[in-house]
């Protein structure tokens, strides 16, 4: 395509009046940032002020085109080129790649930005930039970019306008986009390094059982309580007797007495008094006949004193790599997580979130979260059945620690709590604290679907 001469440039520019430049409706209120050029018309009034200033500017500069950095090259004497441009504008408006739009706009604005306008009206010292001859303007894909983004390093001309539109419409490059109903609302992107699996939530053959795995009698709360502790009573009794012997005392606790002790704790939970000793007080305002008939105050306090869950003599030192802040209650945590999971099979939809258990005493794992209703206490990660709310697994947050899983804290937490539900087609829901593209991609690899808020 022939180059634009200085005379042609002056004819084009002189055909633009001040009012036309101000009222430009293609790229905004300034013709300096327009991507497409404007042709002269015989019946269009000219501005001698703008034309004379530009003539002075061109006479003092080199014999090259100041419009060489524009995104299109036009021969002003060829009206077919101008009509071709006007016909291609609707095609450009259908560009679906936001990255390509950004590249085009960036390339155009580099030559004439709002802050640095190549115009002698604003910059008397302006000198035109020498034109670089490019006979073959092409769309170059930058292979050095790790995201394989389309890079436009040269101006576009009329001949490859169709190539540009076809490339956008039928693009099958390494970068892909997930879009919703609004074309401009890109939800997230992914590349070949992290492809999204072709699993479908609706088409996945989900055949897992939903409901209790043990016999449940709704009329017998004690029987239901024994589902979770029937195998653990003896362990607690043995560890409590062991600890009392280590302290030089003989507790001699039995399972029946331990169940009575738990019953008293349950009564104290809904019948609260300022002090434990008041339940055995001689004052009738505090005295509780049922508790007093079950166990004496001295025996209750003695069991409470030596109640234990783990052998202190085997606890790792703080300097050891196997040190556990929750060592003294670790057996109960592991037991409950195991029995919760095996006693009930959840619905396909699971819910993962955090919970705070209020505590104002001294502890190295106590957390302070000012935005929560319970501001001080223990943070607990939990995964539950989204339909019934049944707790399937919980993790007490101890602070930063090593994990087999990789990623952020939220990602590692979700992956750890969903280990028992891999390759089964379950779907886990979580909030924006956990949400990330890496987490969803990793869950899909494990055949677990996910849904989470992003903002």
Protein backbone atom coordinates (compact mmCIF):
# COMPACT_ATOMS: atom_id res chain seq x y z
CA UNK A 1 0.00 0.00 0.00
CA UNK A 2 1.44 3.46 -0.88
CA UNK A 3 2.63 5.68 1.94
CA UNK A 4 0.85 8.88 2.91
CA UNK A 5 2.71 11.96 1.73
CA UNK A 6 2.98 15.25 3.58
CA UNK A 7 0.59 16.92 1.17
CA UNK A 8 -2.02 14.21 1.73
CA UNK A 9 -1.60 14.59 5.47
CA UNK A 10 -2.15 18.34 5.29
CA UNK A 11 -5.27 17.88 3.19
CA UNK A 12 -6.70 15.46 5.74
CA UNK A 13 -5.85 17.62 8.72
CA UNK A 14 -7.06 20.85 7.12
CA UNK A 15 -10.40 19.18 6.55
CA UNK A 16 -10.93 18.93 10.32
CA UNK A 17 -12.39 22.01 11.99
CA UNK A 18 -12.00 22.85 15.67
CA UNK A 19 -15.65 22.07 16.25
CA UNK A 20 -15.32 18.69 14.52
CA UNK A 21 -12.30 17.83 16.61
CA UNK A 22 -14.11 18.84 19.79
CA UNK A 23 -17.31 16.97 18.91
CA UNK A 24 -15.58 13.82 17.68
CA UNK A 25 -17.92 10.90 18.43
CA UNK A 26 -15.68 7.93 17.59
CA UNK A 27 -12.93 7.91 20.20
CA UNK A 28 -14.08 10.66 22.60
CA UNK A 29 -13.79 14.44 22.61
CA UNK A 30 -10.32 14.59 21.06
CA UNK A 31 -9.20 13.45 17.63
CA UNK A 32 -5.70 12.87 19.00
CA UNK A 33 -6.74 9.52 20.49
CA UNK A 34 -8.87 8.23 17.62
CA UNK A 35 -7.65 4.91 16.22
CA UNK A 36 -9.23 5.46 12.81
CA UNK A 37 -8.39 8.41 10.57
CA UNK A 38 -10.84 10.96 9.16
CA UNK A 39 -10.95 11.87 5.46
CA UNK A 40 -11.37 15.35 4.08
CA UNK A 41 -14.59 16.47 2.43
CA UNK A 42 -14.98 19.25 -0.09
CA UNK A 43 -17.93 20.79 1.72
CA UNK A 44 -16.33 20.69 5.19
CA UNK A 45 -15.21 24.06 6.55
CA UNK A 46 -11.51 24.25 7.30
CA UNK A 47 -9.65 25.83 10.15
CA UNK A 48 -6.84 28.04 8.90
CA UNK A 49 -5.46 28.31 12.41
CA UNK A 50 -4.98 24.54 12.84
CA UNK A 51 -3.79 24.16 9.25
CA UNK A 52 -1.25 26.97 9.38
CA UNK A 53 0.22 25.74 12.62
CA UNK A 54 0.58 22.23 11.28
CA UNK A 55 2.21 23.52 8.09
CA UNK A 56 4.81 25.35 10.17
CA UNK A 57 5.41 22.22 12.20
CA UNK A 58 5.88 20.03 9.15
CA UNK A 59 8.09 22.49 7.35
CA UNK A 60 10.52 22.44 10.27
CA UNK A 61 10.56 18.66 10.64
CA UNK A 62 11.91 15.77 8.60
CA UNK A 63 10.17 14.60 5.48
CA UNK A 64 8.39 11.71 7.14
CA UNK A 65 4.83 11.01 8.13
CA UNK A 66 3.84 11.96 11.66
CA UNK A 67 1.01 9.46 11.44
CA UNK A 68 3.30 6.47 10.97
CA UNK A 69 2.57 5.19 14.48
CA UNK A 70 -1.16 5.19 13.89
CA UNK A 71 -2.97 1.86 13.79
CA UNK A 72 -3.93 2.25 10.11
CA UNK A 73 -2.34 3.57 6.89
CA UNK A 74 -4.65 5.38 4.47
CA UNK A 75 -4.22 6.84 1.02
CA UNK A 76 -6.44 9.89 1.10
CA UNK A 77 -6.96 9.77 -2.69
CA UNK A 78 -8.35 6.22 -2.48
CA UNK A 79 -11.97 6.47 -1.36
CA UNK A 80 -12.36 2.68 -1.44
CA UNK A 81 -9.97 2.38 1.47
CA UNK A 82 -12.08 4.77 3.55
CA UNK A 83 -15.27 2.90 2.76
CA UNK A 84 -13.52 -0.36 3.63
CA UNK A 85 -12.58 1.05 7.03
CA UNK A 86 -16.15 2.13 7.75
CA UNK A 87 -17.39 -1.36 6.84
CA UNK A 88 -14.82 -2.99 9.10
CA UNK A 89 -15.77 -0.90 12.18
CA UNK A 90 -18.79 -3.11 13.07
CA UNK A 91 -16.54 -6.16 12.83
CA UNK A 92 -14.06 -4.64 15.26
CA UNK A 93 -16.87 -3.91 17.70
CA UNK A 94 -17.49 -7.65 17.92
CA UNK A 95 -14.02 -8.47 19.14
CA UNK A 96 -14.38 -10.89 22.01
CA UNK A 97 -10.88 -10.90 23.38
CA UNK A 98 -10.38 -8.23 26.01
CA UNK A 99 -6.64 -8.76 25.92
CA UNK A 100 -6.54 -8.06 22.20
CA UNK A 101 -8.63 -4.93 22.64
CA UNK A 102 -6.27 -3.80 25.32
CA UNK A 103 -3.29 -4.45 23.07
CA UNK A 104 -4.81 -2.45 20.21
CA UNK A 105 -5.73 0.47 22.45
CA UNK A 106 -2.33 0.41 24.09
CA UNK A 107 -0.60 0.45 20.70
CA UNK A 108 -2.71 3.38 19.55
CA UNK A 109 -2.35 5.38 22.75
CA UNK A 110 1.40 4.99 22.78
CA UNK A 111 1.53 7.17 19.66
CA UNK A 112 -0.90 9.83 20.94
CA UNK A 113 -1.85 9.77 24.59
CA UNK A 114 -3.93 12.31 26.44
CA UNK A 115 -0.93 13.62 28.34
CA UNK A 116 1.49 13.79 25.37
CA UNK A 117 -0.30 14.90 22.20
CA UNK A 118 1.83 15.05 19.06
CA UNK A 119 0.45 18.43 18.11
CA UNK A 120 2.27 21.71 17.73
CA UNK A 121 -0.77 23.47 19.27
CA UNK A 122 0.23 21.99 22.64
CA UNK A 123 3.94 21.37 22.18
CA UNK A 124 5.84 23.99 20.13
CA UNK A 125 9.00 21.89 20.29
CA UNK A 126 7.26 18.87 18.73
CA UNK A 127 9.20 17.03 16.03
CA UNK A 128 7.53 14.29 13.95
CA UNK A 129 8.70 10.74 14.57
CA UNK A 130 10.40 9.15 11.54
CA UNK A 131 8.22 6.62 9.75
CA UNK A 132 9.38 2.99 9.74
CA UNK A 133 8.46 1.15 6.58
CA UNK A 134 6.62 -2.12 7.19
CA UNK A 135 5.35 -3.75 4.03
CA UNK A 136 3.92 -6.81 5.72
CA UNK A 137 1.88 -5.93 8.76
CA UNK A 138 1.05 -9.11 10.62
CA UNK A 139 -0.45 -10.30 13.87
CA UNK A 140 2.42 -11.70 15.91
CA UNK A 141 1.85 -14.07 18.77
CA UNK A 142 4.42 -13.42 21.43
CA UNK A 143 5.83 -16.84 22.30
CA UNK A 144 7.98 -15.40 25.07
CA UNK A 145 4.91 -14.42 27.06
CA UNK A 146 4.09 -17.18 29.52
CA UNK A 147 0.37 -16.47 29.13
CA UNK A 148 0.65 -16.62 25.33
CA UNK A 149 -1.12 -13.28 25.01
CA UNK A 150 -1.57 -11.82 21.53
CA UNK A 151 0.88 -8.98 21.02
CA UNK A 152 0.42 -6.35 18.29
CA UNK A 153 3.78 -4.79 17.71
CA UNK A 154 3.08 -3.15 14.30
CA UNK A 155 0.32 -0.97 12.78
CA UNK A 156 -2.66 -2.64 11.09
CA UNK A 157 -3.68 -1.92 7.53
CA UNK A 158 -6.74 -2.65 5.45
CA UNK A 159 -5.38 -5.81 3.87
CA UNK A 160 -5.15 -7.76 7.13
CA UNK A 161 -8.29 -6.35 8.76
CA UNK A 162 -10.19 -9.49 7.71
CA UNK A 163 -7.34 -11.60 9.06
CA UNK A 164 -7.70 -9.84 12.39
CA UNK A 165 -11.45 -10.44 12.61
CA UNK A 166 -11.14 -14.08 11.52
CA UNK A 167 -8.39 -14.63 14.05
CA UNK A 168 -10.59 -13.32 16.86
CA UNK A 169 -13.70 -15.21 15.81
CA UNK A 170 -11.91 -18.56 15.40
CA UNK A 171 -9.11 -18.19 17.92
CA UNK A 172 -7.89 -21.45 19.44
CA UNK A 173 -4.79 -20.25 21.24
CA UNK A 174 -3.39 -21.30 24.60
CA UNK A 175 -5.34 -18.68 26.55
CA UNK A 176 -9.05 -19.32 27.04
CA UNK A 177 -11.81 -17.50 28.84
CA UNK A 178 -14.85 -18.56 30.81
CA UNK A 179 -17.60 -16.01 30.26
CA UNK A 180 -21.12 -15.56 31.55
CA UNK A 181 -24.08 -14.12 29.63
CA UNK A 182 -22.39 -10.72 29.52
CA UNK A 183 -19.56 -10.89 26.99
CA UNK A 184 -17.55 -8.26 28.84
CA UNK A 185 -17.76 -10.06 32.18
CA UNK A 186 -14.89 -12.56 32.18
CA UNK A 187 -15.08 -14.74 35.26
CA UNK A 188 -11.65 -16.32 35.15
CA UNK A 189 -9.03 -17.62 32.73
CA UNK A 190 -6.88 -20.70 32.50
CA UNK A 191 -4.08 -22.01 30.32
CA UNK A 192 -2.72 -25.36 29.20
CA UNK A 193 -0.60 -25.50 32.32
CA UNK A 194 -3.77 -25.60 34.43
CA UNK A 195 -6.56 -26.96 32.20
CA UNK A 196 -10.08 -27.28 33.49
CA UNK A 197 -11.32 -30.83 33.41
CA UNK A 198 -14.27 -31.82 31.23
CA UNK A 199 -16.17 -33.25 34.22
CA UNK A 200 -19.81 -32.23 34.37
CA UNK A 201 -21.74 -31.97 37.63
CA UNK A 202 -25.03 -33.02 36.06
CA UNK A 203 -23.66 -35.88 33.97
CA UNK A 204 -21.44 -37.36 36.70
CA UNK A 205 -22.78 -40.71 37.89
CA UNK A 206 -23.18 -40.07 41.62
CA UNK A 207 -24.17 -43.28 43.42
CA UNK A 208 -23.12 -42.63 47.03
CA UNK A 209 -25.51 -43.56 49.85
CA UNK A 210 -27.14 -40.71 51.77
CA UNK A 211 -28.22 -41.22 55.38
CA UNK A 212 -27.13 -42.75 58.73
CA UNK A 213 -24.89 -45.82 58.65
CA UNK A 214 -25.91 -46.93 62.17
CA UNK A 215 -29.23 -47.66 63.86
CA UNK A 216 -30.67 -44.46 65.28
CA UNK A 217 -33.44 -44.39 67.88
CA UNK A 218 -34.87 -40.88 68.12
CA UNK A 219 -36.60 -41.79 71.38
CA UNK A 220 -33.35 -42.73 73.14
CA UNK A 221 -30.87 -39.83 73.43
CA UNK A 222 -28.52 -41.94 75.56
CA UNK A 223 -28.30 -44.61 72.86
CA UNK A 224 -27.49 -41.98 70.26
CA UNK A 225 -24.83 -40.50 72.55
CA UNK A 226 -23.25 -43.92 72.93
CA UNK A 227 -22.84 -44.13 69.13
CA UNK A 228 -19.95 -41.67 69.42
CA UNK A 229 -18.46 -42.66 72.78
CA UNK A 230 -19.22 -46.34 73.36
CA UNK A 231 -15.72 -47.33 72.19
CA UNK A 232 -14.06 -44.40 73.91
CA UNK A 233 -15.32 -44.70 77.50
CA UNK A 234 -12.76 -47.30 78.47
CA UNK A 235 -9.88 -45.31 76.97
CA UNK A 236 -10.78 -42.21 79.01
CA UNK A 237 -11.11 -44.23 82.20
CA UNK A 238 -7.72 -45.92 81.67
CA UNK A 239 -5.91 -42.64 80.91
CA UNK A 240 -7.49 -40.90 83.94
CA UNK A 241 -6.48 -43.72 86.29
CA UNK A 242 -2.97 -43.70 84.79
CA UNK A 243 -2.57 -39.97 85.34
CA UNK A 244 -3.77 -40.22 88.96
CA UNK A 245 -1.20 -42.97 89.60
CA UNK A 246 1.53 -40.80 88.05
CA UNK A 247 0.51 -38.09 90.52
CA UNK A 248 0.65 -40.53 93.46
CA UNK A 249 -3.12 -40.88 93.86
CA UNK A 250 -5.58 -43.72 93.24
CA UNK A 251 -8.66 -42.47 91.36
CA UNK A 252 -10.15 -45.92 90.69
CA UNK A 253 -12.61 -44.57 88.11
CA UNK A 254 -15.10 -46.93 86.39
CA UNK A 255 -17.16 -46.57 83.20
CA UNK A 256 -20.48 -46.35 85.09
CA UNK A 257 -19.12 -43.60 87.35
CA UNK A 258 -17.67 -41.76 84.38
CA UNK A 259 -21.10 -41.79 82.63
CA UNK A 260 -22.63 -40.32 85.80
CA UNK A 261 -19.93 -37.63 85.74
CA UNK A 262 -20.84 -36.77 82.12
CA UNK A 263 -24.54 -36.61 83.08
CA UNK A 264 -23.77 -34.04 85.77
CA UNK A 265 -21.83 -31.93 83.28
CA UNK A 266 -24.84 -31.94 80.94
CA UNK A 267 -27.16 -30.76 83.74
CA UNK A 268 -24.69 -28.02 84.66
CA UNK A 269 -24.75 -26.91 81.03
CA UNK A 270 -28.41 -25.83 81.08
CA UNK A 271 -28.63 -25.10 84.85
CA UNK A 272 -25.79 -22.63 85.24
CA UNK A 273 -24.51 -21.29 88.58
CA UNK A 274 -21.61 -18.94 89.35
CA UNK A 275 -19.58 -21.73 91.01
CA UNK A 276 -19.41 -25.51 90.84
CA UNK A 277 -19.61 -25.84 94.62
CA UNK A 278 -22.99 -24.10 94.72
CA UNK A 279 -24.71 -27.20 93.30
CA UNK A 280 -24.01 -28.87 96.66
CA UNK A 281 -24.63 -25.72 98.70
CA UNK A 282 -26.81 -25.72 101.83
CA UNK A 283 -28.53 -22.61 100.46
CA UNK A 284 -31.81 -23.71 98.90
CA UNK A 285 -31.50 -20.99 96.23
CA UNK A 286 -28.57 -22.88 94.65
CA UNK A 287 -28.83 -26.44 95.90
CA UNK A 288 -29.53 -29.07 93.18
CA UNK A 289 -31.06 -32.22 94.59
CA UNK A 290 -30.54 -34.40 91.52
CA UNK A 291 -26.82 -33.66 91.25
CA UNK A 292 -26.29 -34.11 94.98
CA UNK A 293 -28.01 -37.52 94.88
CA UNK A 294 -25.81 -38.74 91.99
CA UNK A 295 -22.36 -37.84 93.32
CA UNK A 296 -20.76 -36.02 96.22
CA UNK A 297 -18.96 -32.75 95.71
CA UNK A 298 -15.60 -34.18 96.76
CA UNK A 299 -15.80 -37.11 94.35
CA UNK A 300 -16.88 -34.89 91.46
CA UNK A 301 -13.99 -32.48 91.98
CA UNK A 302 -11.57 -35.41 92.34
CA UNK A 303 -12.60 -36.89 88.96
CA UNK A 304 -12.42 -33.43 87.39
CA UNK A 305 -8.91 -33.03 88.79
CA UNK A 306 -7.49 -36.22 87.24
CA UNK A 307 -9.56 -36.48 84.05
CA UNK A 308 -7.07 -37.15 81.26
CA UNK A 309 -6.97 -38.22 77.59
CA UNK A 310 -3.30 -38.86 76.81
CA UNK A 311 -0.15 -40.07 78.54
CA UNK A 312 1.94 -37.09 79.63
CA UNK A 313 5.10 -39.21 79.84
CA UNK A 314 5.02 -39.72 76.05
CA UNK A 315 4.39 -36.09 75.07
CA UNK A 316 7.09 -34.79 72.67
CA UNK A 317 9.25 -31.90 73.78
CA UNK A 318 8.49 -28.45 72.49
CA UNK A 319 11.76 -28.40 70.54
CA UNK A 320 10.85 -31.67 68.77
CA UNK A 321 9.59 -31.73 65.18
CA UNK A 322 6.69 -33.94 66.32
CA UNK A 323 5.51 -31.50 68.98
CA UNK A 324 1.73 -31.12 69.00
CA UNK A 325 -0.01 -28.22 70.70
CA UNK A 326 -3.14 -30.36 70.98
CA UNK A 327 -1.38 -33.48 72.20
CA UNK A 328 -3.46 -33.79 75.39
CA UNK A 329 -6.75 -33.94 73.49
CA UNK A 330 -5.51 -35.37 70.19
CA UNK A 331 -6.95 -38.89 70.82
CA UNK A 332 -10.47 -37.47 71.25
CA UNK A 333 -10.15 -35.27 68.14
CA UNK A 334 -9.08 -38.24 66.02
CA UNK A 335 -11.78 -40.47 67.51
CA UNK A 336 -14.59 -37.97 66.88
CA UNK A 337 -13.48 -37.24 63.32
CA UNK A 338 -13.43 -40.96 62.60
CA UNK A 339 -16.81 -41.76 64.15
CA UNK A 340 -18.51 -38.68 62.66
CA UNK A 341 -17.46 -39.74 59.17
CA UNK A 342 -18.34 -43.43 59.49
CA UNK A 343 -21.70 -42.98 61.24
CA UNK A 344 -23.35 -40.88 58.53
CA UNK A 345 -23.08 -40.58 54.75
CA UNK A 346 -23.76 -36.99 53.66
CA UNK A 347 -25.71 -35.60 50.77
CA UNK A 348 -23.80 -34.85 47.58
CA UNK A 349 -23.48 -31.18 48.57
CA UNK A 350 -20.99 -30.35 51.35
CA UNK A 351 -20.31 -27.07 53.12
CA UNK A 352 -16.91 -25.92 54.36
CA UNK A 353 -16.50 -22.98 56.74
CA UNK A 354 -14.84 -21.75 59.93
CA UNK A 355 -16.29 -21.45 63.43
CA UNK A 356 -15.22 -19.72 66.63
CA UNK A 357 -15.53 -21.32 70.08
CA UNK A 358 -15.40 -18.61 72.72
CA UNK A 359 -12.53 -18.77 75.21
CA UNK A 360 -10.93 -15.97 77.24
CA UNK A 361 -8.38 -17.97 79.21
CA UNK A 362 -4.70 -18.52 78.47
CA UNK A 363 -3.81 -20.62 75.45
CA UNK A 364 -1.18 -20.53 72.73
CA UNK A 365 -3.75 -21.30 70.02
CA UNK A 366 -6.36 -18.72 71.01
CA UNK A 367 -7.29 -16.42 68.13
CA UNK A 368 -8.57 -12.84 68.04
CA UNK A 369 -10.96 -12.01 65.19
CA UNK A 370 -12.52 -8.57 65.72
CA UNK A 371 -14.99 -8.95 62.81
CA UNK A 372 -16.57 -12.11 64.21
CA UNK A 373 -19.47 -12.25 66.72
CA UNK A 374 -17.18 -14.34 68.95
CA UNK A 375 -13.99 -12.31 68.88
CA UNK A 376 -11.71 -14.38 71.12
CA UNK A 377 -11.47 -18.12 71.22
CA UNK A 378 -10.48 -21.20 69.24
CA UNK A 379 -10.87 -21.20 65.47
CA UNK A 380 -12.22 -24.46 64.09
CA UNK A 381 -12.45 -25.48 60.43
CA UNK A 382 -15.48 -27.65 59.76
CA UNK A 383 -17.05 -29.52 56.85
CA UNK A 384 -20.70 -30.51 57.10
CA UNK A 385 -23.54 -31.99 55.10
CA UNK A 386 -25.15 -29.01 53.36
CA UNK A 387 -28.66 -30.48 53.77
CA UNK A 388 -28.73 -31.70 57.38
CA UNK A 389 -25.87 -29.66 58.88
CA UNK A 390 -24.30 -32.87 60.22
CA UNK A 391 -20.65 -32.37 61.17
CA UNK A 392 -18.36 -34.66 59.20
CA UNK A 393 -14.91 -33.43 60.21
CA UNK A 394 -13.34 -30.59 62.14
CA UNK A 395 -9.81 -29.22 62.49
CA UNK A 396 -8.72 -26.97 65.35
CA UNK A 397 -6.49 -24.21 63.99
CA UNK A 398 -3.11 -24.24 65.74
CA UNK A 399 -1.35 -21.57 63.70
CA UNK A 400 1.11 -22.02 60.87
CA UNK A 401 2.25 -25.62 60.49
CA UNK A 402 3.54 -27.99 57.83
CA UNK A 403 0.99 -29.72 55.62
CA UNK A 404 1.04 -32.35 52.90
CA UNK A 405 -1.18 -30.14 50.77
CA UNK A 406 0.11 -27.14 48.82
CA UNK A 407 -1.35 -23.68 48.41
CA UNK A 408 -2.75 -21.00 50.66
CA UNK A 409 -4.22 -21.65 54.10
CA UNK A 410 -7.76 -21.85 52.74
CA UNK A 411 -6.76 -24.16 49.88
CA UNK A 412 -4.87 -26.55 52.16
CA UNK A 413 -7.76 -26.62 54.63
CA UNK A 414 -10.37 -27.58 52.03
CA UNK A 415 -8.14 -30.20 50.40
CA UNK A 416 -7.37 -31.77 53.77
CA UNK A 417 -10.99 -31.93 54.86
CA UNK A 418 -12.20 -33.44 51.57
CA UNK A 419 -9.70 -36.32 51.51
CA UNK A 420 -12.45 -38.85 52.29
CA UNK A 421 -14.62 -37.72 49.37
CA UNK A 422 -12.26 -37.97 46.41
CA UNK A 423 -13.29 -39.63 43.12
CA UNK A 424 -16.97 -39.76 44.17
CA UNK A 425 -18.44 -36.64 42.57
CA UNK A 426 -19.28 -34.68 45.72
CA UNK A 427 -19.65 -30.90 45.52
CA UNK A 428 -18.22 -28.63 48.23
CA UNK A 429 -19.37 -25.06 48.87
CA UNK A 430 -17.23 -22.39 50.56
CA UNK A 431 -16.87 -18.62 50.88
CA UNK A 432 -14.32 -16.22 49.43
CA UNK A 433 -11.73 -16.96 52.13
CA UNK A 434 -11.19 -20.37 50.54
CA UNK A 435 -12.08 -19.60 46.90
CA UNK A 436 -9.37 -19.67 44.26
CA UNK A 437 -8.91 -20.99 40.74
CA UNK A 438 -6.07 -23.26 41.89
CA UNK A 439 -8.32 -24.85 44.53
CA UNK A 440 -11.16 -25.50 42.10
CA UNK A 441 -8.74 -26.96 39.55
CA UNK A 442 -7.15 -29.27 42.13
CA UNK A 443 -10.56 -30.42 43.42
CA UNK A 444 -11.67 -31.24 39.87
CA UNK A 445 -8.56 -33.38 39.43
CA UNK A 446 -9.76 -35.32 42.48
CA UNK A 447 -13.27 -35.52 40.98
CA UNK A 448 -14.75 -33.15 43.55
CA UNK A 449 -16.89 -30.29 42.27
CA UNK A 450 -16.80 -26.91 43.97
CA UNK A 451 -18.75 -23.68 44.25
CA UNK A 452 -17.45 -20.58 46.04
CA UNK A 453 -17.96 -16.85 46.23
CA UNK A 454 -15.26 -14.67 44.65
CA UNK A 455 -16.07 -11.16 45.92
